[in-house]
Structure formats: structure tokens, C-alpha cells
Amino acid sequence: MKIDSYQFGRITIDGHPYANDIIIFPDNRVQDGWWRRHGHHLRVEDIENLVEEAPQIIIAGTGAYGRMTIDAAVERLLRSKKIELVAEPTPKAVDVFNQLVGQRRIGAGFHLTC
């Protein structure tokens, strides 16, 4: 799996374009239309199904301008499960994902706008 491109509001993965926020599971499934209860704030309930898949690392694309914040409870949960968290603005998060894919068991959530 490879992220081909990202631009504000759009991400293309293996030739398939998405125009909504997405989650990528370690088995390469893509959940389109990822919606967080509190919009620009990532909480535990927003990624519980991803955490259940036991990735080694979760990459959080926090938006084009990095406006999505990560709740401290998310960080505590991931630490307790020994899951590394990389939270970066989405353009950088895409680069990190593409660098690590195939090397580690990756889960990711990408906020595509702001």
C-alpha cells in the first residue's frame, strides 16, 4: 500500500481517491468517512477500532495546518499498549506513512482539511 498523493481535502491511495477523512488499518483496509465526535479533537472513542487491531505505530495526520488536537487520554492509552504515536500535519504524516509502510505494522488516521 502506498499513499500516492495528498492535497487539501483529497488523498489518493493505490490509485483510489478519497475526499473524506480516512483510517488505514494494519491489514491495509481503508475506512472512508472517518468522523470524530468532536471534529478537530481526537479522542479514544475515535480510534478504538484501530487500537483493537494492535498496530505497532499509529500515524495521525492532524490536517493540512495541524489543527486537529490529540486528547491526552489517547496518548496514555497508546503508551499503555506500547503503540507509538506520530502526530503531524497531514502532509508530513503522509511522508512518514510512506517511509514506514512495509517495515512496521501501521495504523493511521488522516484528517484531510484544516
PDB file of N, CA and C in Angstrom:
ATOM      1  N   MET A   1       0.855  -1.181   0.000  1.00  0.00           N
ATOM      2  CA  MET A   1       0.000   0.000   0.000  1.00  0.00           C
ATOM      3  C   MET A   1       0.889   1.228   0.000  1.00  0.00           C
ATOM      4  N   LYS A   2       0.463   2.231  -0.755  1.00  0.00           N
ATOM      5  CA  LYS A   2       1.188   3.490  -0.800  1.00  0.00           C
ATOM      6  C   LYS A   2       0.202   4.636  -0.953  1.00  0.00           C
ATOM      7  N   ILE A   3       0.481   5.720  -0.258  1.00  0.00           N
ATOM      8  CA  ILE A   3      -0.297   6.932  -0.469  1.00  0.00           C
ATOM      9  C   ILE A   3       0.340   7.647  -1.647  1.00  0.00           C
ATOM     10  N   ASP A   4      -0.417   7.768  -2.721  1.00  0.00           N
ATOM     11  CA  ASP A   4       0.103   8.361  -3.946  1.00  0.00           C
ATOM     12  C   ASP A   4       0.227   9.873  -3.830  1.00  0.00           C
ATOM     13  N   SER A   5      -0.792  10.495  -3.229  1.00  0.00           N
ATOM     14  CA  SER A   5      -0.752  11.953  -3.130  1.00  0.00           C
ATOM     15  C   SER A   5      -1.727  12.438  -2.071  1.00  0.00           C
ATOM     16  N   TYR A   6      -1.441  13.642  -1.601  1.00  0.00           N
ATOM     17  CA  TYR A   6      -2.335  14.334  -0.684  1.00  0.00           C
ATOM     18  C   TYR A   6      -2.377  15.798  -1.095  1.00  0.00           C
ATOM     19  N   GLN A   7      -3.574  16.321  -1.100  1.00  0.00           N
ATOM     20  CA  GLN A   7      -3.773  17.765  -1.216  1.00  0.00           C
ATOM     21  C   GLN A   7      -4.977  18.087  -0.355  1.00  0.00           C
ATOM     22  N   PHE A   8      -5.137  19.331   0.009  1.00  0.00           N
ATOM     23  CA  PHE A   8      -6.211  19.742   0.904  1.00  0.00           C
ATOM     24  C   PHE A   8      -7.533  19.101   0.478  1.00  0.00           C
ATOM     25  N   GLY A   9      -8.105  18.285   1.368  1.00  0.00           N
ATOM     26  CA  GLY A   9      -9.408  17.676   1.125  1.00  0.00           C
ATOM     27  C   GLY A   9      -9.413  16.434   0.257  1.00  0.00           C
ATOM     28  N   ARG A  10      -8.226  15.925  -0.111  1.00  0.00           N
ATOM     29  CA  ARG A  10      -8.190  14.764  -1.005  1.00  0.00           C
ATOM     30  C   ARG A  10      -6.898  13.970  -0.788  1.00  0.00           C
ATOM     31  N   ILE A  11      -7.060  12.654  -0.708  1.00  0.00           N
ATOM     32  CA  ILE A  11      -5.908  11.761  -0.594  1.00  0.00           C
ATOM     33  C   ILE A  11      -6.128  10.613  -1.573  1.00  0.00           C
ATOM     34  N   THR A  12      -5.061  10.169  -2.227  1.00  0.00           N
ATOM     35  CA  THR A  12      -5.149   9.061  -3.177  1.00  0.00           C
ATOM     36  C   THR A  12      -4.244   7.941  -2.688  1.00  0.00           C
ATOM     37  N   ILE A  13      -4.833   6.756  -2.570  1.00  0.00           N
ATOM     38  CA  ILE A  13      -4.123   5.581  -2.070  1.00  0.00           C
ATOM     39  C   ILE A  13      -4.234   4.480  -3.113  1.00  0.00           C
ATOM     40  N   ASP A  14      -3.093   4.019  -3.582  1.00  0.00           N
ATOM     41  CA  ASP A  14      -3.059   2.975  -4.615  1.00  0.00           C
ATOM     42  C   ASP A  14      -4.022   3.294  -5.758  1.00  0.00           C
ATOM     43  N   GLY A  15      -4.033   4.541  -6.173  1.00  0.00           N
ATOM     44  CA  GLY A  15      -4.858   4.969  -7.306  1.00  0.00           C
ATOM     45  C   GLY A  15      -6.299   5.292  -6.981  1.00  0.00           C
ATOM     46  N   HIS A  16      -6.719   5.055  -5.742  1.00  0.00           N
ATOM     47  CA  HIS A  16      -8.110   5.309  -5.358  1.00  0.00           C
ATOM     48  C   HIS A  16      -8.210   6.630  -4.599  1.00  0.00           C
ATOM     49  N   PRO A  17      -8.981   7.594  -5.111  1.00  0.00           N
ATOM     50  CA  PRO A  17      -9.100   8.882  -4.420  1.00  0.00           C
ATOM     51  C   PRO A  17     -10.148   8.846  -3.305  1.00  0.00           C
ATOM     52  N   TYR A  18      -9.857   9.561  -2.238  1.00  0.00           N
ATOM     53  CA  TYR A  18     -10.795   9.730  -1.123  1.00  0.00           C
ATOM     54  C   TYR A  18     -10.930  11.227  -0.853  1.00  0.00           C
ATOM     55  N   ALA A  19     -12.161  11.660  -0.587  1.00  0.00           N
ATOM     56  CA  ALA A  19     -12.415  13.072  -0.319  1.00  0.00           C
ATOM     57  C   ALA A  19     -12.941  13.288   1.103  1.00  0.00           C
ATOM     58  N   ASN A  20     -12.864  12.250   1.931  1.00  0.00           N
ATOM     59  CA  ASN A  20     -13.265  12.338   3.334  1.00  0.00           C
ATOM     60  C   ASN A  20     -12.115  11.826   4.189  1.00  0.00           C
ATOM     61  N   ASP A  21     -12.113  12.196   5.447  1.00  0.00           N
ATOM     62  CA  ASP A  21     -11.100  11.690   6.368  1.00  0.00           C
ATOM     63  C   ASP A  21     -11.140  10.167   6.363  1.00  0.00           C
ATOM     64  N   ILE A  22      -9.984   9.554   6.574  1.00  0.00           N
ATOM     65  CA  ILE A  22      -9.885   8.092   6.491  1.00  0.00           C
ATOM     66  C   ILE A  22      -9.078   7.516   7.647  1.00  0.00           C
ATOM     67  N   ILE A  23      -9.311   6.236   7.871  1.00  0.00           N
ATOM     68  CA  ILE A  23      -8.458   5.413   8.739  1.00  0.00           C
ATOM     69  C   ILE A  23      -7.885   4.305   7.868  1.00  0.00           C
ATOM     70  N   ILE A  24      -6.608   4.018   8.065  1.00  0.00           N
ATOM     71  CA  ILE A  24      -5.972   2.874   7.409  1.00  0.00           C
ATOM     72  C   ILE A  24      -5.611   1.878   8.504  1.00  0.00           C
ATOM     73  N   PHE A  25      -6.108   0.667   8.361  1.00  0.00           N
ATOM     74  CA  PHE A  25      -5.843  -0.391   9.330  1.00  0.00           C
ATOM     75  C   PHE A  25      -4.565  -1.143   8.949  1.00  0.00           C
ATOM     76  N   PRO A  26      -3.956  -1.839   9.898  1.00  0.00           N
ATOM     77  CA  PRO A  26      -2.709  -2.555   9.605  1.00  0.00           C
ATOM     78  C   PRO A  26      -2.823  -3.582   8.480  1.00  0.00           C
ATOM     79  N   ASP A  27      -4.021  -4.085   8.216  1.00  0.00           N
ATOM     80  CA  ASP A  27      -4.197  -5.048   7.122  1.00  0.00           C
ATOM     81  C   ASP A  27      -4.499  -4.345   5.788  1.00  0.00           C
ATOM     82  N   ASN A  28      -4.295  -3.023   5.752  1.00  0.00           N
ATOM     83  CA  ASN A  28      -4.467  -2.176   4.562  1.00  0.00           C
ATOM     84  C   ASN A  28      -5.914  -1.865   4.203  1.00  0.00           C
ATOM     85  N   ARG A  29      -6.870  -2.222   5.062  1.00  0.00           N
ATOM     86  CA  ARG A  29      -8.240  -1.766   4.837  1.00  0.00           C
ATOM     87  C   ARG A  29      -8.299  -0.269   5.043  1.00  0.00           C
ATOM     88  N   VAL A  30      -9.120   0.399   4.251  1.00  0.00           N
ATOM     89  CA  VAL A  30      -9.317   1.827   4.399  1.00  0.00           C
ATOM     90  C   VAL A  30     -10.768   2.070   4.791  1.00  0.00           C
ATOM     91  N   GLN A  31     -10.950   2.778   5.884  1.00  0.00           N
ATOM     92  CA  GLN A  31     -12.294   3.197   6.303  1.00  0.00           C
ATOM     93  C   GLN A  31     -12.473   4.635   5.828  1.00  0.00           C
ATOM     94  N   ASP A  32     -13.354   4.805   4.867  1.00  0.00           N
ATOM     95  CA  ASP A  32     -13.643   6.127   4.316  1.00  0.00           C
ATOM     96  C   ASP A  32     -14.702   6.801   5.187  1.00  0.00           C
ATOM     97  N   GLY A  33     -14.662   8.109   5.254  1.00  0.00           N
ATOM     98  CA  GLY A  33     -15.670   8.837   6.011  1.00  0.00           C
ATOM     99  C   GLY A  33     -15.453   8.791   7.508  1.00  0.00           C
ATOM    100  N   TRP A  34     -14.190   8.736   7.954  1.00  0.00           N
ATOM    101  CA  TRP A  34     -13.875   8.731   9.383  1.00  0.00           C
ATOM    102  C   TRP A  34     -14.336  10.050   9.990  1.00  0.00           C
ATOM    103  N   TRP A  35     -15.197   9.947  10.968  1.00  0.00           N
ATOM    104  CA  TRP A  35     -15.747  11.136  11.609  1.00  0.00           C
ATOM    105  C   TRP A  35     -15.469  11.074  13.092  1.00  0.00           C
ATOM    106  N   ARG A  36     -14.921  12.132  13.628  1.00  0.00           N
ATOM    107  CA  ARG A  36     -14.656  12.226  15.052  1.00  0.00           C
ATOM    108  C   ARG A  36     -15.796  12.973  15.722  1.00  0.00           C
ATOM    109  N   ARG A  37     -16.206  12.512  16.880  1.00  0.00           N
ATOM    110  CA  ARG A  37     -17.336  13.127  17.596  1.00  0.00           C
ATOM    111  C   ARG A  37     -17.131  14.608  17.866  1.00  0.00           C
ATOM    112  N   HIS A  38     -15.894  14.981  18.090  1.00  0.00           N
ATOM    113  CA  HIS A  38     -15.615  16.365  18.448  1.00  0.00           C
ATOM    114  C   HIS A  38     -14.765  17.040  17.375  1.00  0.00           C
ATOM    115  N   GLY A  39     -15.066  16.736  16.128  1.00  0.00           N
ATOM    116  CA  GLY A  39     -14.455  17.403  14.984  1.00  0.00           C
ATOM    117  C   GLY A  39     -12.943  17.428  14.969  1.00  0.00           C
ATOM    118  N   HIS A  40     -12.362  18.503  15.434  1.00  0.00           N
ATOM    119  CA  HIS A  40     -10.917  18.692  15.366  1.00  0.00           C
ATOM    120  C   HIS A  40     -10.200  18.257  16.637  1.00  0.00           C
ATOM    121  N   HIS A  41     -10.789  17.320  17.353  1.00  0.00           N
ATOM    122  CA  HIS A  41     -10.180  16.817  18.580  1.00  0.00           C
ATOM    123  C   HIS A  41     -10.265  15.293  18.556  1.00  0.00           C
ATOM    124  N   LEU A  42      -9.123  14.632  18.555  1.00  0.00           N
ATOM    125  CA  LEU A  42      -9.070  13.175  18.515  1.00  0.00           C
ATOM    126  C   LEU A  42      -9.182  12.616  19.918  1.00  0.00           C
ATOM    127  N   ARG A  43     -10.189  11.769  20.123  1.00  0.00           N
ATOM    128  CA  ARG A  43     -10.423  11.123  21.422  1.00  0.00           C
ATOM    129  C   ARG A  43     -10.329   9.605  21.273  1.00  0.00           C
ATOM    130  N   VAL A  44     -10.240   8.935  22.403  1.00  0.00           N
ATOM    131  CA  VAL A  44     -10.095   7.475  22.416  1.00  0.00           C
ATOM    132  C   VAL A  44     -11.191   6.807  21.597  1.00  0.00           C
ATOM    133  N   GLU A  45     -12.441   7.212  21.768  1.00  0.00           N
ATOM    134  CA  GLU A  45     -13.539   6.544  21.059  1.00  0.00           C
ATOM    135  C   GLU A  45     -13.426   6.667  19.538  1.00  0.00           C
ATOM    136  N   ASP A  46     -12.651   7.626  19.063  1.00  0.00           N
ATOM    137  CA  ASP A  46     -12.491   7.815  17.622  1.00  0.00           C
ATOM    138  C   ASP A  46     -11.556   6.793  16.986  1.00  0.00           C
ATOM    139  N   ILE A  47     -10.707   6.157  17.806  1.00  0.00           N
ATOM    140  CA  ILE A  47      -9.730   5.212  17.248  1.00  0.00           C
ATOM    141  C   ILE A  47      -9.761   3.848  17.936  1.00  0.00           C
ATOM    142  N   GLU A  48     -10.788   3.583  18.732  1.00  0.00           N
ATOM    143  CA  GLU A  48     -10.846   2.294  19.442  1.00  0.00           C
ATOM    144  C   GLU A  48     -10.740   1.110  18.496  1.00  0.00           C
ATOM    145  N   ASN A  49     -11.453   1.178  17.356  1.00  0.00           N
ATOM    146  CA  ASN A  49     -11.407   0.048  16.424  1.00  0.00           C
ATOM    147  C   ASN A  49     -10.022  -0.110  15.806  1.00  0.00           C
ATOM    148  N   LEU A  50      -9.289   0.965  15.650  1.00  0.00           N
ATOM    149  CA  LEU A  50      -7.923   0.887  15.138  1.00  0.00           C
ATOM    150  C   LEU A  50      -6.989   0.303  16.197  1.00  0.00           C
ATOM    151  N   VAL A  51      -7.118   0.731  17.418  1.00  0.00           N
ATOM    152  CA  VAL A  51      -6.280   0.231  18.515  1.00  0.00           C
ATOM    153  C   VAL A  51      -6.481  -1.271  18.694  1.00  0.00           C
ATOM    154  N   GLU A  52      -7.717  -1.754  18.522  1.00  0.00           N
ATOM    155  CA  GLU A  52      -8.015  -3.191  18.652  1.00  0.00           C
ATOM    156  C   GLU A  52      -7.228  -4.038  17.650  1.00  0.00           C
ATOM    157  N   GLU A  53      -6.796  -3.430  16.556  1.00  0.00           N
ATOM    158  CA  GLU A  53      -6.038  -4.155  15.523  1.00  0.00           C
ATOM    159  C   GLU A  53      -4.551  -4.285  15.873  1.00  0.00           C
ATOM    160  N   ALA A  54      -4.140  -3.729  17.009  1.00  0.00           N
ATOM    161  CA  ALA A  54      -2.789  -3.849  17.552  1.00  0.00           C
ATOM    162  C   ALA A  54      -1.671  -3.425  16.591  1.00  0.00           C
ATOM    163  N   PRO A  55      -1.745  -2.199  16.084  1.00  0.00           N
ATOM    164  CA  PRO A  55      -0.612  -1.726  15.279  1.00  0.00           C
ATOM    165  C   PRO A  55       0.589  -1.446  16.176  1.00  0.00           C
ATOM    166  N   GLN A  56       1.772  -1.430  15.603  1.00  0.00           N
ATOM    167  CA  GLN A  56       2.965  -1.038  16.352  1.00  0.00           C
ATOM    168  C   GLN A  56       3.032   0.486  16.470  1.00  0.00           C
ATOM    169  N   ILE A  57       2.472   1.150  15.492  1.00  0.00           N
ATOM    170  CA  ILE A  57       2.521   2.604  15.424  1.00  0.00           C
ATOM    171  C   ILE A  57       1.203   3.113  14.842  1.00  0.00           C
ATOM    172  N   ILE A  58       0.750   4.235  15.353  1.00  0.00           N
ATOM    173  CA  ILE A  58      -0.395   4.928  14.767  1.00  0.00           C
ATOM    174  C   ILE A  58       0.092   6.297  14.319  1.00  0.00           C
ATOM    175  N   ILE A  59      -0.151   6.585  13.065  1.00  0.00           N
ATOM    176  CA  ILE A  59       0.194   7.872  12.493  1.00  0.00           C
ATOM    177  C   ILE A  59      -1.081   8.690  12.389  1.00  0.00           C
ATOM    178  N   ALA A  60      -1.067   9.851  13.012  1.00  0.00           N
ATOM    179  CA  ALA A  60      -2.228  10.742  12.988  1.00  0.00           C
ATOM    180  C   ALA A  60      -1.903  11.955  12.131  1.00  0.00           C
ATOM    181  N   GLY A  61      -2.593  12.072  11.008  1.00  0.00           N
ATOM    182  CA  GLY A  61      -2.481  13.263  10.173  1.00  0.00           C
ATOM    183  C   GLY A  61      -3.442  14.298  10.726  1.00  0.00           C
ATOM    184  N   THR A  62      -2.918  15.376  11.277  1.00  0.00           N
ATOM    185  CA  THR A  62      -3.723  16.331  12.033  1.00  0.00           C
ATOM    186  C   THR A  62      -4.303  17.456  11.181  1.00  0.00           C
ATOM    187  N   GLY A  63      -4.310  17.275   9.875  1.00  0.00           N
ATOM    188  CA  GLY A  63      -4.873  18.269   8.973  1.00  0.00           C
ATOM    189  C   GLY A  63      -3.796  19.044   8.242  1.00  0.00           C
ATOM    190  N   ALA A  64      -4.195  19.718   7.186  1.00  0.00           N
ATOM    191  CA  ALA A  64      -3.247  20.463   6.368  1.00  0.00           C
ATOM    192  C   ALA A  64      -2.459  21.471   7.198  1.00  0.00           C
ATOM    193  N   TYR A  65      -3.118  22.066   8.170  1.00  0.00           N
ATOM    194  CA  TYR A  65      -2.484  23.087   9.002  1.00  0.00           C
ATOM    195  C   TYR A  65      -2.281  22.619  10.447  1.00  0.00           C
ATOM    196  N   GLY A  66      -2.484  21.314  10.691  1.00  0.00           N
ATOM    197  CA  GLY A  66      -2.246  20.739  12.008  1.00  0.00           C
ATOM    198  C   GLY A  66      -3.233  21.156  13.079  1.00  0.00           C
ATOM    199  N   ARG A  67      -4.468  21.405  12.707  1.00  0.00           N
ATOM    200  CA  ARG A  67      -5.443  21.928  13.669  1.00  0.00           C
ATOM    201  C   ARG A  67      -6.136  20.863  14.520  1.00  0.00           C
ATOM    202  N   MET A  68      -6.038  19.606  14.138  1.00  0.00           N
ATOM    203  CA  MET A  68      -6.655  18.553  14.953  1.00  0.00           C
ATOM    204  C   MET A  68      -5.746  18.288  16.158  1.00  0.00           C
ATOM    205  N   THR A  69      -6.310  18.341  17.348  1.00  0.00           N
ATOM    206  CA  THR A  69      -5.543  18.094  18.567  1.00  0.00           C
ATOM    207  C   THR A  69      -5.762  16.659  19.036  1.00  0.00           C
ATOM    208  N   ILE A  70      -4.834  16.171  19.817  1.00  0.00           N
ATOM    209  CA  ILE A  70      -4.882  14.805  20.339  1.00  0.00           C
ATOM    210  C   ILE A  70      -5.146  14.881  21.838  1.00  0.00           C
ATOM    211  N   ASP A  71      -6.211  14.226  22.281  1.00  0.00           N
ATOM    212  CA  ASP A  71      -6.545  14.194  23.702  1.00  0.00           C
ATOM    213  C   ASP A  71      -5.453  13.440  24.465  1.00  0.00           C
ATOM    214  N   ALA A  72      -5.145  13.906  25.657  1.00  0.00           N
ATOM    215  CA  ALA A  72      -4.123  13.254  26.490  1.00  0.00           C
ATOM    216  C   ALA A  72      -4.481  11.801  26.783  1.00  0.00           C
ATOM    217  N   ALA A  73      -5.772  11.481  26.861  1.00  0.00           N
ATOM    218  CA  ALA A  73      -6.196  10.098  27.119  1.00  0.00           C
ATOM    219  C   ALA A  73      -5.790   9.174  25.971  1.00  0.00           C
ATOM    220  N   VAL A  74      -5.756   9.686  24.754  1.00  0.00           N
ATOM    221  CA  VAL A  74      -5.298   8.892  23.603  1.00  0.00           C
ATOM    222  C   VAL A  74      -3.827   8.538  23.799  1.00  0.00           C
ATOM    223  N   GLU A  75      -3.045   9.535  24.149  1.00  0.00           N
ATOM    224  CA  GLU A  75      -1.615   9.295  24.355  1.00  0.00           C
ATOM    225  C   GLU A  75      -1.372   8.286  25.477  1.00  0.00           C
ATOM    226  N   ARG A  76      -2.120   8.408  26.565  1.00  0.00           N
ATOM    227  CA  ARG A  76      -1.972   7.457  27.695  1.00  0.00           C
ATOM    228  C   ARG A  76      -2.350   6.040  27.264  1.00  0.00           C
ATOM    229  N   LEU A  77      -3.465   5.911  26.547  1.00  0.00           N
ATOM    230  CA  LEU A  77      -3.908   4.588  26.089  1.00  0.00           C
ATOM    231  C   LEU A  77      -2.850   3.943  25.203  1.00  0.00           C
ATOM    232  N   LEU A  78      -2.348   4.689  24.254  1.00  0.00           N
ATOM    233  CA  LEU A  78      -1.372   4.116  23.326  1.00  0.00           C
ATOM    234  C   LEU A  78      -0.075   3.745  24.045  1.00  0.00           C
ATOM    235  N   ARG A  79       0.361   4.581  24.972  1.00  0.00           N
ATOM    236  CA  ARG A  79       1.552   4.236  25.770  1.00  0.00           C
ATOM    237  C   ARG A  79       1.334   2.942  26.538  1.00  0.00           C
ATOM    238  N   SER A  80       0.136   2.794  27.132  1.00  0.00           N
ATOM    239  CA  SER A  80      -0.153   1.594  27.926  1.00  0.00           C
ATOM    240  C   SER A  80      -0.160   0.330  27.073  1.00  0.00           C
ATOM    241  N   LYS A  81      -0.444   0.480  25.806  1.00  0.00           N
ATOM    242  CA  LYS A  81      -0.477  -0.663  24.889  1.00  0.00           C
ATOM    243  C   LYS A  81       0.802  -0.775  24.067  1.00  0.00           C
ATOM    244  N   LYS A  82       1.777   0.096  24.391  1.00  0.00           N
ATOM    245  CA  LYS A  82       3.071   0.099  23.705  1.00  0.00           C
ATOM    246  C   LYS A  82       2.915   0.343  22.199  1.00  0.00           C
ATOM    247  N   ILE A  83       1.986   1.236  21.865  1.00  0.00           N
ATOM    248  CA  ILE A  83       1.783   1.658  20.477  1.00  0.00           C
ATOM    249  C   ILE A  83       2.373   3.058  20.349  1.00  0.00           C
ATOM    250  N   GLU A  84       3.307   3.212  19.433  1.00  0.00           N
ATOM    251  CA  GLU A  84       3.924   4.515  19.202  1.00  0.00           C
ATOM    252  C   GLU A  84       2.929   5.434  18.490  1.00  0.00           C
ATOM    253  N   LEU A  85       2.929   6.691  18.837  1.00  0.00           N
ATOM    254  CA  LEU A  85       2.074   7.688  18.188  1.00  0.00           C
ATOM    255  C   LEU A  85       2.938   8.715  17.488  1.00  0.00           C
ATOM    256  N   VAL A  86       2.654   8.932  16.204  1.00  0.00           N
ATOM    257  CA  VAL A  86       3.263  10.020  15.451  1.00  0.00           C
ATOM    258  C   VAL A  86       2.118  10.913  15.009  1.00  0.00           C
ATOM    259  N   ALA A  87       2.094  12.132  15.511  1.00  0.00           N
ATOM    260  CA  ALA A  87       1.051  13.101  15.154  1.00  0.00           C
ATOM    261  C   ALA A  87       1.719  14.278  14.460  1.00  0.00           C
ATOM    262  N   GLU A  88       1.387  14.460  13.198  1.00  0.00           N
ATOM    263  CA  GLU A  88       1.988  15.512  12.380  1.00  0.00           C
ATOM    264  C   GLU A  88       0.912  16.086  11.467  1.00  0.00           C
ATOM    265  N   PRO A  89       1.114  17.310  10.995  1.00  0.00           N
ATOM    266  CA  PRO A  89       0.214  17.804   9.955  1.00  0.00           C
ATOM    267  C   PRO A  89       0.157  16.776   8.815  1.00  0.00           C
ATOM    268  N   THR A  90      -0.979  16.665   8.186  1.00  0.00           N
ATOM    269  CA  THR A  90      -1.208  15.586   7.218  1.00  0.00           C
ATOM    270  C   THR A  90      -0.142  15.480   6.130  1.00  0.00           C
ATOM    271  N   PRO A  91       0.354  16.561   5.539  1.00  0.00           N
ATOM    272  CA  PRO A  91       1.396  16.367   4.515  1.00  0.00           C
ATOM    273  C   PRO A  91       2.619  15.615   5.045  1.00  0.00           C
ATOM    274  N   LYS A  92       3.073  15.956   6.236  1.00  0.00           N
ATOM    275  CA  LYS A  92       4.226  15.273   6.838  1.00  0.00           C
ATOM    276  C   LYS A  92       3.852  13.850   7.262  1.00  0.00           C
ATOM    277  N   ALA A  93       2.638  13.677   7.798  1.00  0.00           N
ATOM    278  CA  ALA A  93       2.182  12.349   8.220  1.00  0.00           C
ATOM    279  C   ALA A  93       2.137  11.383   7.031  1.00  0.00           C
ATOM    280  N   VAL A  94       1.737  11.871   5.874  1.00  0.00           N
ATOM    281  CA  VAL A  94       1.729  11.048   4.659  1.00  0.00           C
ATOM    282  C   VAL A  94       3.152  10.592   4.335  1.00  0.00           C
ATOM    283  N   ASP A  95       4.114  11.496   4.430  1.00  0.00           N
ATOM    284  CA  ASP A  95       5.508  11.130   4.172  1.00  0.00           C
ATOM    285  C   ASP A  95       5.987  10.063   5.153  1.00  0.00           C
ATOM    286  N   VAL A  96       5.658  10.230   6.424  1.00  0.00           N
ATOM    287  CA  VAL A  96       6.056   9.255   7.445  1.00  0.00           C
ATOM    288  C   VAL A  96       5.424   7.899   7.133  1.00  0.00           C
ATOM    289  N   PHE A  97       4.136   7.902   6.800  1.00  0.00           N
ATOM    290  CA  PHE A  97       3.450   6.650   6.463  1.00  0.00           C
ATOM    291  C   PHE A  97       4.181   5.947   5.320  1.00  0.00           C
ATOM    292  N   ASN A  98       4.449   6.674   4.247  1.00  0.00           N
ATOM    293  CA  ASN A  98       5.093   6.058   3.081  1.00  0.00           C
ATOM    294  C   ASN A  98       6.504   5.564   3.392  1.00  0.00           C
ATOM    295  N   GLN A  99       7.197   6.209   4.312  1.00  0.00           N
ATOM    296  CA  GLN A  99       8.534   5.754   4.705  1.00  0.00           C
ATOM    297  C   GLN A  99       8.482   4.455   5.504  1.00  0.00           C
ATOM    298  N   LEU A 100       7.439   4.298   6.333  1.00  0.00           N
ATOM    299  CA  LEU A 100       7.378   3.154   7.250  1.00  0.00           C
ATOM    300  C   LEU A 100       6.561   1.972   6.741  1.00  0.00           C
ATOM    301  N   VAL A 101       5.721   2.204   5.735  1.00  0.00           N
ATOM    302  CA  VAL A 101       4.856   1.130   5.260  1.00  0.00           C
ATOM    303  C   VAL A 101       5.716  -0.056   4.803  1.00  0.00           C
ATOM    304  N   GLY A 102       5.325  -1.230   5.211  1.00  0.00           N
ATOM    305  CA  GLY A 102       6.069  -2.438   4.879  1.00  0.00           C
ATOM    306  C   GLY A 102       7.167  -2.770   5.883  1.00  0.00           C
ATOM    307  N   GLN A 103       7.509  -1.806   6.741  1.00  0.00           N
ATOM    308  CA  GLN A 103       8.552  -2.032   7.737  1.00  0.00           C
ATOM    309  C   GLN A 103       7.980  -2.294   9.121  1.00  0.00           C
ATOM    310  N   ARG A 104       6.801  -1.709   9.371  1.00  0.00           N
ATOM    311  CA  ARG A 104       6.159  -1.835  10.677  1.00  0.00           C
ATOM    312  C   ARG A 104       4.674  -2.065  10.465  1.00  0.00           C
ATOM    313  N   ARG A 105       4.019  -2.546  11.499  1.00  0.00           N
ATOM    314  CA  ARG A 105       2.565  -2.752  11.470  1.00  0.00           C
ATOM    315  C   ARG A 105       1.917  -1.398  11.780  1.00  0.00           C
ATOM    316  N   ILE A 106       1.422  -0.736  10.731  1.00  0.00           N
ATOM    317  CA  ILE A 106       0.974   0.648  10.835  1.00  0.00           C
ATOM    318  C   ILE A 106      -0.543   0.755  10.813  1.00  0.00           C
ATOM    319  N   GLY A 107      -1.038   1.637  11.665  1.00  0.00           N
ATOM    320  CA  GLY A 107      -2.404   2.123  11.595  1.00  0.00           C
ATOM    321  C   GLY A 107      -2.304   3.628  11.407  1.00  0.00           C
ATOM    322  N   ALA A 108      -3.302   4.219  10.770  1.00  0.00           N
ATOM    323  CA  ALA A 108      -3.231   5.660  10.528  1.00  0.00           C
ATOM    324  C   ALA A 108      -4.621   6.253  10.443  1.00  0.00           C
ATOM    325  N   GLY A 109      -4.701   7.514  10.804  1.00  0.00           N
ATOM    326  CA  GLY A 109      -5.921   8.298  10.627  1.00  0.00           C
ATOM    327  C   GLY A 109      -5.518   9.630  10.034  1.00  0.00           C
ATOM    328  N   PHE A 110      -6.150   9.993   8.932  1.00  0.00           N
ATOM    329  CA  PHE A 110      -5.785  11.231   8.256  1.00  0.00           C
ATOM    330  C   PHE A 110      -6.973  12.188   8.172  1.00  0.00           C
ATOM    331  N   HIS A 111      -6.787  13.353   8.786  1.00  0.00           N
ATOM    332  CA  HIS A 111      -7.735  14.458   8.659  1.00  0.00           C
ATOM    333  C   HIS A 111      -7.300  15.222   7.409  1.00  0.00           C
ATOM    334  N   LEU A 112      -8.199  15.390   6.445  1.00  0.00           N
ATOM    335  CA  LEU A 112      -7.788  15.880   5.130  1.00  0.00           C
ATOM    336  C   LEU A 112      -7.913  17.389   4.947  1.00  0.00           C
ATOM    337  N   THR A 113      -8.644  18.061   5.812  1.00  0.00           N
ATOM    338  CA  THR A 113      -8.777  19.504   5.667  1.00  0.00           C
ATOM    339  C   THR A 113      -8.036  20.205   6.787  1.00  0.00           C
ATOM    340  N   CYS A 114      -8.390  21.390   7.103  1.00  0.00           N
ATOM    341  CA  CYS A 114      -7.732  22.283   8.062  1.00  0.00           C
ATOM    342  C   CYS A 114      -6.778  21.560   8.978  1.00  0.00           C
TER     343      CYS A 114
END
